[in-house]
C-alpha atoms as a PDB file:
ATOM      1  CA  MET A   1     118.053  81.792  84.085  1.00  0.00           C
ATOM      2  CA  ARG A   2     121.828  82.018  84.135  1.00  0.00           C
ATOM      3  CA  GLN A   3     123.158  85.471  84.901  1.00  0.00           C
ATOM      4  CA  ASN A   4     125.455  86.916  82.259  1.00  0.00           C
ATOM      5  CA  ILE A   5     128.859  87.555  83.804  1.00  0.00           C
ATOM      6  CA  GLN A   6     131.420  89.485  81.816  1.00  0.00           C
ATOM      7  CA  PRO A   7     134.457  87.517  80.614  1.00  0.00           C
ATOM      8  CA  ILE A   8     137.634  88.689  82.319  1.00  0.00           C
ATOM      9  CA  ASN A   9     140.687  89.355  80.185  1.00  0.00           C
ATOM     10  CA  PRO A  10     143.989  88.173  81.670  1.00  0.00           C
ATOM     11  CA  SER A  11     145.208  91.778  81.813  1.00  0.00           C
ATOM     12  CA  ASP A  12     142.147  92.692  83.882  1.00  0.00           C
ATOM     13  CA  GLN A  13     142.592  89.973  86.495  1.00  0.00           C
ATOM     14  CA  PRO A  14     142.323  91.515  89.975  1.00  0.00           C
ATOM     15  CA  ARG A  15     145.250  91.206  92.366  1.00  0.00           C
ATOM     16  CA  VAL A  16     142.824  90.007  95.031  1.00  0.00           C
ATOM     17  CA  ASN A  17     139.692  87.869  94.892  1.00  0.00           C
ATOM     18  CA  PRO A  18     136.831  90.007  93.451  1.00  0.00           C
ATOM     19  CA  PHE A  19     134.586  89.192  96.434  1.00  0.00           C
ATOM     20  CA  LEU A  20     137.349  90.259  98.815  1.00  0.00           C
ATOM     21  CA  GLN A  21     137.868  93.428  96.799  1.00  0.00           C
ATOM     22  CA  ILE A  22     134.199  94.345  97.205  1.00  0.00           C
ATOM     23  CA  LEU A  23     134.372  93.737 100.964  1.00  0.00           C
ATOM     24  CA  ILE A  24     137.504  95.876 101.281  1.00  0.00           C
ATOM     25  CA  ALA A  25     135.901  98.654  99.224  1.00  0.00           C
ATOM     26  CA  MET A  26     132.820  98.536 101.441  1.00  0.00           C
ATOM     27  CA  MET A  27     134.934  98.805 104.596  1.00  0.00           C
ATOM     28  CA  PHE A  28     136.311 102.109 103.314  1.00  0.00           C
ATOM     29  CA  ILE A  29     133.051 103.456 101.887  1.00  0.00           C
ATOM     30  CA  GLY A  30     131.268 102.424 105.080  1.00  0.00           C
ATOM     31  CA  THR A  31     133.122 105.187 106.901  1.00  0.00           C
ATOM     32  CA  SER A  32     130.958 107.726 105.042  1.00  0.00           C
ATOM     33  CA  GLY A  33     128.053 107.235 107.460  1.00  0.00           C
ATOM     34  CA  VAL A  34     130.053 108.114 110.549  1.00  0.00           C
ATOM     35  CA  PHE A  35     132.081 110.909 108.938  1.00  0.00           C
ATOM     36  CA  GLY A  36     129.038 112.431 107.205  1.00  0.00           C
ATOM     37  CA  ARG A  37     126.796 112.175 110.258  1.00  0.00           C
ATOM     38  CA  PHE A  38     129.152 113.654 112.843  1.00  0.00           C
ATOM     39  CA  VAL A  39     131.351 116.087 110.901  1.00  0.00           C
ATOM     40  CA  PRO A  40     130.697 119.480 112.594  1.00  0.00           C
ATOM     41  CA  LEU A  41     129.872 121.302 109.357  1.00  0.00           C
ATOM     42  CA  GLU A  42     126.800 121.966 107.222  1.00  0.00           C
ATOM     43  CA  ALA A  43     126.168 118.882 105.089  1.00  0.00           C
ATOM     44  CA  ILE A  44     126.719 120.579 101.735  1.00  0.00           C
ATOM     45  CA  VAL A  45     129.957 122.178 102.971  1.00  0.00           C
ATOM     46  CA  ALA A  46     131.209 118.735 103.995  1.00  0.00           C
ATOM     47  CA  VAL A  47     130.353 117.496 100.485  1.00  0.00           C
ATOM     48  CA  TRP A  48     132.515 120.243  98.936  1.00  0.00           C
ATOM     49  CA  TRP A  49     135.502 119.380 101.109  1.00  0.00           C
ATOM     50  CA  ARG A  50     135.010 115.667 100.480  1.00  0.00           C
ATOM     51  CA  ALA A  51     135.044 116.248  96.719  1.00  0.00           C
ATOM     52  CA  ALA A  52     137.965 118.691  96.810  1.00  0.00           C
ATOM     53  CA  ILE A  53     140.222 116.514  98.979  1.00  0.00           C
ATOM     54  CA  GLY A  54     139.261 113.296  97.229  1.00  0.00           C
ATOM     55  CA  GLY A  55     139.689 114.883  93.802  1.00  0.00           C
ATOM     56  CA  ALA A  56     143.158 116.214  94.579  1.00  0.00           C
ATOM     57  CA  LEU A  57     144.280 112.793  95.824  1.00  0.00           C
ATOM     58  CA  LEU A  58     142.784 110.963  92.851  1.00  0.00           C
ATOM     59  CA  ILE A  59     144.310 113.316  90.279  1.00  0.00           C
ATOM     60  CA  ALA A  60     147.727 112.985  91.942  1.00  0.00           C
ATOM     61  CA  PHE A  61     147.401 109.196  91.883  1.00  0.00           C
ATOM     62  CA  CYS A  62     146.350 109.147  88.212  1.00  0.00           C
ATOM     63  CA  LEU A  63     149.299 111.358  87.230  1.00  0.00           C
ATOM     64  CA  TYR A  64     151.663 109.149  89.222  1.00  0.00           C
ATOM     65  CA  LYS A  65     150.347 106.018  87.484  1.00  0.00           C
ATOM     66  CA  GLY A  66     150.357 107.689  84.071  1.00  0.00           C
ATOM     67  CA  TYR A  67     146.639 107.181  83.446  1.00  0.00           C
ATOM     68  CA  SER A  68     145.196 109.099  80.528  1.00  0.00           C
ATOM     69  CA  PHE A  69     142.413 111.612  81.122  1.00  0.00           C
ATOM     70  CA  ARG A  70     141.647 111.781  77.417  1.00  0.00           C
ATOM     71  CA  MET A  71     138.101 111.108  76.266  1.00  0.00           C
ATOM     72  CA  GLU A  72     137.381 109.169  73.083  1.00  0.00           C
ATOM     73  CA  ASP A  73     134.569 111.413  71.892  1.00  0.00           C
ATOM     74  CA  ARG A  74     131.940 113.926  72.997  1.00  0.00           C
ATOM     75  CA  ARG A  75     129.474 111.205  73.910  1.00  0.00           C
ATOM     76  CA  GLN A  76     131.886 109.630  76.374  1.00  0.00           C
ATOM     77  CA  PHE A  77     132.686 113.037  77.831  1.00  0.00           C
ATOM     78  CA  GLY A  78     128.960 113.776  78.179  1.00  0.00           C
ATOM     79  CA  VAL A  79     128.331 110.487  80.016  1.00  0.00           C
ATOM     80  CA  VAL A  80     131.185 111.130  82.453  1.00  0.00           C
ATOM     81  CA  VAL A  81     129.991 114.703  83.103  1.00  0.00           C
ATOM     82  CA  LEU A  82     126.431 113.511  83.693  1.00  0.00           C
ATOM     83  CA  SER A  83     127.678 110.809  86.064  1.00  0.00           C
ATOM     84  CA  GLY A  84     129.554 113.530  87.961  1.00  0.00           C
ATOM     85  CA  VAL A  85     126.398 115.621  88.288  1.00  0.00           C
ATOM     86  CA  LEU A  86     124.518 112.571  89.568  1.00  0.00           C
ATOM     87  CA  MET A  87     127.290 111.752  92.028  1.00  0.00           C
ATOM     88  CA  THR A  88     127.109 115.293  93.391  1.00  0.00           C
ATOM     89  CA  ALA A  89     123.342 115.036  93.878  1.00  0.00           C
ATOM     90  CA  HIS A  90     123.813 111.642  95.517  1.00  0.00           C
ATOM     91  CA  TRP A  91     126.340 112.978  98.015  1.00  0.00           C
ATOM     92  CA  VAL A  92     124.283 116.043  98.930  1.00  0.00           C
ATOM     93  CA  THR A  93     121.046 114.102  99.516  1.00  0.00           C
ATOM     94  CA  TYR A  94     122.919 111.352 101.374  1.00  0.00           C
ATOM     95  CA  PHE A  95     124.658 113.736 103.773  1.00  0.00           C
ATOM     96  CA  TYR A  96     121.419 115.530 104.579  1.00  0.00           C
ATOM     97  CA  ALA A  97     119.769 112.136 105.133  1.00  0.00           C
ATOM     98  CA  LEU A  98     122.477 111.320 107.684  1.00  0.00           C
ATOM     99  CA  LYS A  99     122.178 114.684 109.421  1.00  0.00           C
ATOM    100  CA  LEU A 100     118.377 114.426 109.715  1.00  0.00           C
ATOM    101  CA  SER A 101     118.196 110.807 110.864  1.00  0.00           C
ATOM    102  CA  SER A 102     121.011 108.548 112.076  1.00  0.00           C
ATOM    103  CA  VAL A 103     123.889 106.493 110.743  1.00  0.00           C
ATOM    104  CA  ALA A 104     121.668 103.386 110.732  1.00  0.00           C
ATOM    105  CA  ILE A 105     118.659 104.923 108.960  1.00  0.00           C
ATOM    106  CA  GLY A 106     120.736 106.991 106.542  1.00  0.00           C
ATOM    107  CA  MET A 107     122.977 104.139 105.452  1.00  0.00           C
ATOM    108  CA  LEU A 108     120.282 101.484 105.313  1.00  0.00           C
ATOM    109  CA  ALA A 109     117.956 103.788 103.356  1.00  0.00           C
ATOM    110  CA  ILE A 110     120.563 104.380 100.700  1.00  0.00           C
ATOM    111  CA  PHE A 111     120.959 100.648 100.348  1.00  0.00           C
ATOM    112  CA  THR A 112     117.616 100.406  98.687  1.00  0.00           C
ATOM    113  CA  TYR A 113     119.688 101.214  95.588  1.00  0.00           C
ATOM    114  CA  PRO A 114     120.491  97.553  94.812  1.00  0.00           C
ATOM    115  CA  ALA A 115     116.756  96.843  94.454  1.00  0.00           C
ATOM    116  CA  MET A 116     116.420  99.867  92.194  1.00  0.00           C
ATOM    117  CA  THR A 117     119.462  98.739  90.183  1.00  0.00           C
ATOM    118  CA  THR A 118     118.093  95.245  89.602  1.00  0.00           C
ATOM    119  CA  LEU A 119     114.945  96.757  88.096  1.00  0.00           C
ATOM    120  CA  LEU A 120     116.710  99.492  86.090  1.00  0.00           C
ATOM    121  CA  GLU A 121     119.636  97.458  84.699  1.00  0.00           C
ATOM    122  CA  PRO A 122     117.612  95.312  82.252  1.00  0.00           C
ATOM    123  CA  ILE A 123     115.991  98.488  80.907  1.00  0.00           C
ATOM    124  CA  VAL A 124     119.046 100.759  80.712  1.00  0.00           C
ATOM    125  CA  LEU A 125     121.662  98.197  79.645  1.00  0.00           C
ATOM    126  CA  LYS A 126     119.289  95.937  77.660  1.00  0.00           C
ATOM    127  CA  LYS A 127     120.307  92.893  79.709  1.00  0.00           C
ATOM    128  CA  PRO A 128     118.191  89.808  80.396  1.00  0.00           C
ATOM    129  CA  PHE A 129     115.969  90.126  83.446  1.00  0.00           C
ATOM    130  CA  VAL A 130     116.945  87.868  86.365  1.00  0.00           C
ATOM    131  CA  PRO A 131     113.766  86.683  88.159  1.00  0.00           C
ATOM    132  CA  ARG A 132     115.712  86.096  91.397  1.00  0.00           C
ATOM    133  CA  HIS A 133     116.231  89.835  91.700  1.00  0.00           C
ATOM    134  CA  LEU A 134     112.493  90.379  92.280  1.00  0.00           C
ATOM    135  CA  LEU A 135     112.795  88.446  95.541  1.00  0.00           C
ATOM    136  CA  LEU A 136     115.816  90.498  96.527  1.00  0.00           C
ATOM    137  CA  ALA A 137     113.975  93.722  95.732  1.00  0.00           C
ATOM    138  CA  ALA A 138     111.050  92.579  97.897  1.00  0.00           C
ATOM    139  CA  LEU A 139     113.401  91.921 100.815  1.00  0.00           C
ATOM    140  CA  VAL A 140     114.851  95.420 100.507  1.00  0.00           C
ATOM    141  CA  ILE A 141     111.404  97.049 100.339  1.00  0.00           C
ATOM    142  CA  GLY A 142     110.332  95.153 103.454  1.00  0.00           C
ATOM    143  CA  GLY A 143     113.468  96.320 105.197  1.00  0.00           C
ATOM    144  CA  VAL A 144     112.753  99.957 104.343  1.00  0.00           C
ATOM    145  CA  TYR A 145     109.245  99.609 105.761  1.00  0.00           C
ATOM    146  CA  LEU A 146     110.706  98.520 109.087  1.00  0.00           C
ATOM    147  CA  LEU A 147     113.275 101.312 108.982  1.00  0.00           C
ATOM    148  CA  ALA A 148     110.685 104.093 108.743  1.00  0.00           C
ATOM    149  CA  PRO A 149     110.340 105.709 112.206  1.00  0.00           C
ATOM    150  CA  SER A 150     106.951 107.080 111.151  1.00  0.00           C
ATOM    151  CA  PHE A 151     105.152 107.983 107.961  1.00  0.00           C
ATOM    152  CA  SER A 152     104.891 111.709 108.692  1.00  0.00           C
ATOM    153  CA  PHE A 153     107.198 114.213 107.026  1.00  0.00           C
ATOM    154  CA  ALA A 154     106.953 116.282 110.188  1.00  0.00           C
ATOM    155  CA  ASP A 155     109.373 113.722 111.587  1.00  0.00           C
ATOM    156  CA  GLY A 156     112.933 114.687 110.643  1.00  0.00           C
ATOM    157  CA  ALA A 157     114.040 111.054 110.621  1.00  0.00           C
ATOM    158  CA  THR A 158     111.324 110.235 108.062  1.00  0.00           C
ATOM    159  CA  VAL A 159     112.531 113.092 105.866  1.00  0.00           C
ATOM    160  CA  GLY A 160     116.026 111.670 106.258  1.00  0.00           C
ATOM    161  CA  LEU A 161     114.786 108.244 105.167  1.00  0.00           C
ATOM    162  CA  ALA A 162     113.088 109.759 102.099  1.00  0.00           C
ATOM    163  CA  LEU A 163     116.244 111.674 101.178  1.00  0.00           C
ATOM    164  CA  GLY A 164     118.240 108.483 101.602  1.00  0.00           C
ATOM    165  CA  MET A 165     115.977 106.664  99.158  1.00  0.00           C
ATOM    166  CA  LEU A 166     116.194 109.558  96.672  1.00  0.00           C
ATOM    167  CA  SER A 167     119.963 109.402  97.024  1.00  0.00           C
ATOM    168  CA  ALA A 168     119.773 105.656  96.383  1.00  0.00           C
ATOM    169  CA  PHE A 169     117.879 106.145  93.115  1.00  0.00           C
ATOM    170  CA  ILE A 170     120.395 108.745  91.913  1.00  0.00           C
ATOM    171  CA  TYR A 171     123.300 106.494  92.862  1.00  0.00           C
ATOM    172  CA  SER A 172     121.779 103.526  91.052  1.00  0.00           C
ATOM    173  CA  PHE A 173     121.353 105.484  87.835  1.00  0.00           C
ATOM    174  CA  ARG A 174     124.898 106.854  88.129  1.00  0.00           C
ATOM    175  CA  ASN A 175     126.342 103.343  88.486  1.00  0.00           C
ATOM    176  CA  LEU A 176     124.518 102.200  85.366  1.00  0.00           C
ATOM    177  CA  LEU A 177     125.937 105.133  83.420  1.00  0.00           C
ATOM    178  CA  VAL A 178     129.457 104.379  84.629  1.00  0.00           C
ATOM    179  CA  LYS A 179     129.024 100.737  83.612  1.00  0.00           C
ATOM    180  CA  THR A 180     128.678 101.801  79.968  1.00  0.00           C
ATOM    181  CA  GLU A 181     132.062 103.521  80.018  1.00  0.00           C
ATOM    182  CA  ILE A 182     134.104 101.703  82.680  1.00  0.00           C
ATOM    183  CA  ALA A 183     135.573  99.264  80.165  1.00  0.00           C
ATOM    184  CA  LYS A 184     137.124 102.204  78.306  1.00  0.00           C
ATOM    185  CA  LEU A 185     138.367 104.324  81.212  1.00  0.00           C
ATOM    186  CA  GLN A 186     140.261 103.565  84.412  1.00  0.00           C
ATOM    187  CA  GLY A 187     137.915 103.590  87.411  1.00  0.00           C
ATOM    188  CA  THR A 188     140.232 106.022  89.185  1.00  0.00           C
ATOM    189  CA  VAL A 189     140.046 108.426  86.238  1.00  0.00           C
ATOM    190  CA  VAL A 190     136.227 108.288  86.226  1.00  0.00           C
ATOM    191  CA  MET A 191     136.157 109.005  89.962  1.00  0.00           C
ATOM    192  CA  ALA A 192     138.640 111.871  89.533  1.00  0.00           C
ATOM    193  CA  TYR A 193     136.400 113.493  86.927  1.00  0.00           C
ATOM    194  CA  GLN A 194     133.367 113.091  89.180  1.00  0.00           C
ATOM    195  CA  THR A 195     135.040 114.675  92.189  1.00  0.00           C
ATOM    196  CA  VAL A 196     136.202 117.655  90.109  1.00  0.00           C
ATOM    197  CA  ILE A 197     132.672 118.142  88.774  1.00  0.00           C
ATOM    198  CA  ALA A 198     131.272 117.919  92.313  1.00  0.00           C
ATOM    199  CA  THR A 199     133.810 120.469  93.534  1.00  0.00           C
ATOM    200  CA  VAL A 200     132.737 122.928  90.837  1.00  0.00           C
ATOM    201  CA  LEU A 201     129.005 122.369  91.279  1.00  0.00           C
ATOM    202  CA  VAL A 202     129.071 122.779  95.049  1.00  0.00           C
ATOM    203  CA  ALA A 203     131.558 125.701  95.042  1.00  0.00           C
ATOM    204  CA  PRO A 204     128.773 128.316  95.663  1.00  0.00           C
ATOM    205  CA  VAL A 205     128.685 127.116  99.302  1.00  0.00           C
ATOM    206  CA  TRP A 206     131.559 129.528  99.883  1.00  0.00           C
ATOM    207  CA  PHE A 207     129.146 132.430  99.273  1.00  0.00           C
ATOM    208  CA  TYR A 208     126.341 131.150 101.519  1.00  0.00           C
ATOM    209  CA  PHE A 209     128.041 129.282 104.388  1.00  0.00           C
ATOM    210  CA  ASP A 210     131.115 129.518 106.550  1.00  0.00           C
ATOM    211  CA  ALA A 211     133.037 126.859 104.632  1.00  0.00           C
ATOM    212  CA  VAL A 212     136.355 127.210 106.457  1.00  0.00           C
ATOM    213  CA  PRO A 213     136.833 123.935 108.363  1.00  0.00           C
ATOM    214  CA  THR A 214     137.191 123.978 112.122  1.00  0.00           C
ATOM    215  CA  THR A 215     139.965 122.095 113.860  1.00  0.00           C
ATOM    216  CA  GLU A 216     137.430 119.483 115.002  1.00  0.00           C
ATOM    217  CA  SER A 217     136.175 118.881 111.452  1.00  0.00           C
ATOM    218  CA  ILE A 218     139.553 118.343 109.757  1.00  0.00           C
ATOM    219  CA  PRO A 219     139.952 114.617 110.694  1.00  0.00           C
ATOM    220  CA  PHE A 220     136.409 113.922 109.429  1.00  0.00           C
ATOM    221  CA  LEU A 221     137.084 115.718 106.131  1.00  0.00           C
ATOM    222  CA  ILE A 222     140.398 113.945 105.562  1.00  0.00           C
ATOM    223  CA  GLY A 223     138.661 110.638 106.262  1.00  0.00           C
ATOM    224  CA  LEU A 224     135.905 111.442 103.770  1.00  0.00           C
ATOM    225  CA  GLY A 225     138.347 112.548 101.084  1.00  0.00           C
ATOM    226  CA  LEU A 226     140.960 109.834 101.511  1.00  0.00           C
ATOM    227  CA  LEU A 227     139.327 106.700 102.924  1.00  0.00           C
ATOM    228  CA  THR A 228     135.740 107.008 101.718  1.00  0.00           C
ATOM    229  CA  THR A 229     136.253 108.671  98.338  1.00  0.00           C
ATOM    230  CA  ALA A 230     139.778 108.177  96.969  1.00  0.00           C
ATOM    231  CA  VAL A 231     140.272 104.604  98.175  1.00  0.00           C
ATOM    232  CA  GLY A 232     136.766 103.213  98.680  1.00  0.00           C
ATOM    233  CA  HIS A 233     135.012 104.444  95.546  1.00  0.00           C
ATOM    234  CA  THR A 234     137.969 103.642  93.288  1.00  0.00           C
ATOM    235  CA  LEU A 235     137.997 100.025  94.474  1.00  0.00           C
ATOM    236  CA  PHE A 236     134.206  99.938  94.093  1.00  0.00           C
ATOM    237  CA  LEU A 237     134.261 101.145  90.481  1.00  0.00           C
ATOM    238  CA  ALA A 238     136.922  98.568  89.627  1.00  0.00           C
ATOM    239  CA  CYS A 239     134.493  95.809  90.665  1.00  0.00           C
ATOM    240  CA  PHE A 240     132.286  96.623  87.667  1.00  0.00           C
ATOM    241  CA  ARG A 241     134.918  94.998  85.445  1.00  0.00           C
ATOM    242  CA  PHE A 242     134.186  91.581  86.936  1.00  0.00           C
ATOM    243  CA  PHE A 243     130.476  91.573  87.858  1.00  0.00           C
ATOM    244  CA  SER A 244     127.191  93.020  86.685  1.00  0.00           C
ATOM    245  CA  VAL A 245     125.978  96.268  88.232  1.00  0.00           C
ATOM    246  CA  SER A 246     123.170  94.391  90.005  1.00  0.00           C
ATOM    247  CA  THR A 247     125.585  91.893  91.534  1.00  0.00           C
ATOM    248  CA  VAL A 248     128.058  94.539  92.716  1.00  0.00           C
ATOM    249  CA  SER A 249     125.178  96.594  94.128  1.00  0.00           C
ATOM    250  CA  LEU A 250     123.696  93.688  96.071  1.00  0.00           C
ATOM    251  CA  LEU A 251     127.033  92.500  97.417  1.00  0.00           C
ATOM    252  CA  SER A 252     127.853  96.024  98.551  1.00  0.00           C
ATOM    253  CA  CYS A 253     124.905  95.925 100.960  1.00  0.00           C
ATOM    254  CA  VAL A 254     127.383  94.771 103.596  1.00  0.00           C
ATOM    255  CA  GLN A 255     128.515  98.410 103.818  1.00  0.00           C
ATOM    256  CA  PRO A 256     125.882  99.563 106.372  1.00  0.00           C
ATOM    257  CA  VAL A 257     127.094  96.879 108.781  1.00  0.00           C
ATOM    258  CA  TYR A 258     130.515  98.507 108.850  1.00  0.00           C
ATOM    259  CA  GLY A 259     129.046 102.001 109.128  1.00  0.00           C
ATOM    260  CA  ILE A 260     126.645 101.139 111.951  1.00  0.00           C
ATOM    261  CA  LEU A 261     129.367  99.314 113.882  1.00  0.00           C
ATOM    262  CA  LEU A 262     131.615 102.373 113.583  1.00  0.00           C
ATOM    263  CA  GLY A 263     128.772 104.556 114.846  1.00  0.00           C
ATOM    264  CA  VAL A 264     128.277 102.278 117.849  1.00  0.00           C
ATOM    265  CA  LEU A 265     131.978 101.944 118.652  1.00  0.00           C
ATOM    266  CA  PHE A 266     133.031 105.588 118.320  1.00  0.00           C
ATOM    267  CA  PHE A 267     129.861 107.612 118.960  1.00  0.00           C
ATOM    268  CA  GLY A 268     127.564 105.316 120.943  1.00  0.00           C
ATOM    269  CA  GLU A 269     124.733 105.616 118.380  1.00  0.00           C
ATOM    270  CA  TYR A 270     122.809 102.348 118.716  1.00  0.00           C
ATOM    271  CA  PRO A 271     120.140 101.329 116.178  1.00  0.00           C
ATOM    272  CA  ASN A 272     116.722 100.387 117.599  1.00  0.00           C
ATOM    273  CA  ALA A 273     115.061  96.995 117.154  1.00  0.00           C
ATOM    274  CA  SER A 274     113.066  98.102 114.107  1.00  0.00           C
ATOM    275  CA  ALA A 275     116.195  99.388 112.364  1.00  0.00           C
ATOM    276  CA  ILE A 276     117.978  96.116 113.126  1.00  0.00           C
ATOM    277  CA  GLY A 277     115.070  94.122 111.688  1.00  0.00           C
ATOM    278  CA  GLY A 278     114.926  96.282 108.557  1.00  0.00           C
ATOM    279  CA  GLY A 279     118.661  96.056 108.147  1.00  0.00           C
ATOM    280  CA  ALA A 280     118.541  92.277 108.478  1.00  0.00           C
ATOM    281  CA  LEU A 281     116.057  92.037 105.603  1.00  0.00           C
ATOM    282  CA  ILE A 282     118.088  94.368 103.415  1.00  0.00           C
ATOM    283  CA  LEU A 283     121.373  92.606 104.133  1.00  0.00           C
ATOM    284  CA  SER A 284     119.886  89.146 103.616  1.00  0.00           C
ATOM    285  CA  ALA A 285     119.855  90.035  99.923  1.00  0.00           C
ATOM    286  CA  VAL A 286     123.667  89.973 100.072  1.00  0.00           C
ATOM    287  CA  ALA A 287     123.829  86.324 101.089  1.00  0.00           C
ATOM    288  CA  VAL A 288     121.354  85.258  98.403  1.00  0.00           C
ATOM    289  CA  GLU A 289     123.231  87.057  95.622  1.00  0.00           C
ATOM    290  CA  ALA A 290     126.688  86.111  96.880  1.00  0.00           C
ATOM    291  CA  LEU A 291     125.828  82.411  96.961  1.00  0.00           C
ATOM    292  CA  SER A 292     124.221  82.575  93.526  1.00  0.00           C
ATOM    293  CA  VAL A 293     127.140  84.365  91.885  1.00  0.00           C
ATOM    294  CA  ARG A 294     129.749  82.162  93.584  1.00  0.00           C
ATOM    295  CA  LYS A 295     127.895  79.081  92.297  1.00  0.00           C
ATOM    296  CA  GLN A 296     127.777  80.620  88.810  1.00  0.00           C
ATOM    297  CA  LEU A 297     131.504  81.411  88.846  1.00  0.00           C
ATOM    298  CA  GLY A 298     132.241  77.874  90.023  1.00  0.00           C
ATOM    299  CA  ALA A 299     130.156  76.395  87.203  1.00  0.00           C
ATOM    300  CA  ASP A 300     131.874  78.588  84.623  1.00  0.00           C
ATOM    301  CA  ALA A 301     135.314  77.657  85.949  1.00  0.00           C
ATOM    302  CA  GLY A 302     134.443  73.966  85.845  1.00  0.00           C
ATOM    303  CA  ALA A 303     133.359  74.272  82.215  1.00  0.00           C
ATOM    304  CA  GLU A 304     136.758  75.626  81.130  1.00  0.00           C
END
């Protein structure tokens, strides 16, 4: 079955190849594993600072570019608010997954979300089911099995893996919601709204934790706000204009490679053999989908 790929208007043509854009976005977002794992703050406090810094940068950029923050109607506003709530939940569960396990387990666990997306997208967006995605989902599930350090919740790393998978489900649903509105709003504007919502929702941390950043934590927080959030997620959302949610999700599975390499290079955190095997299964889904979509794009171009 041929996968439906959205037609691209000339005004929407990316300045770089869409595949390259995804890879660049993943390089930036991949820093989240290292920053979130090793920032010397409580996980939820780090989430607040990530949202606050990223939101300020995104709003400034939108104002500079003259992007409109206006919503068309209450329904659109409601979808954007809900996506912001889901993004907040995703960040909180993801950061705790990193703190409880490792960069490798936390990042690879969250990348079960492409498998979840391929199963949810036909239901939520009423799109034709792509049988190939069942194989890709099976590869991801097998990878998660190998990732699990044990199957006891007394093991902190197992709890981290479970939180990572919960975060993946939330993230998948959020991406599907954004897909319904991304054609009407700039991706940067959507991300700006989401960071503001996250900042408000997580603000109570100031009453329960020491949320003032230490000198050691400031570089991590700036990295999370600028590189991971403002740059990475904006580029990622823009990809939805050119590919289906399932395709973008599967191609983005290259992100853990960047994150794990950063963890090895800067913090000496090496994944074990089981994590490498699980990661290999999960990331193999990228090659299958990338080749399929590239072939599809080539066929469509040849038909013009």
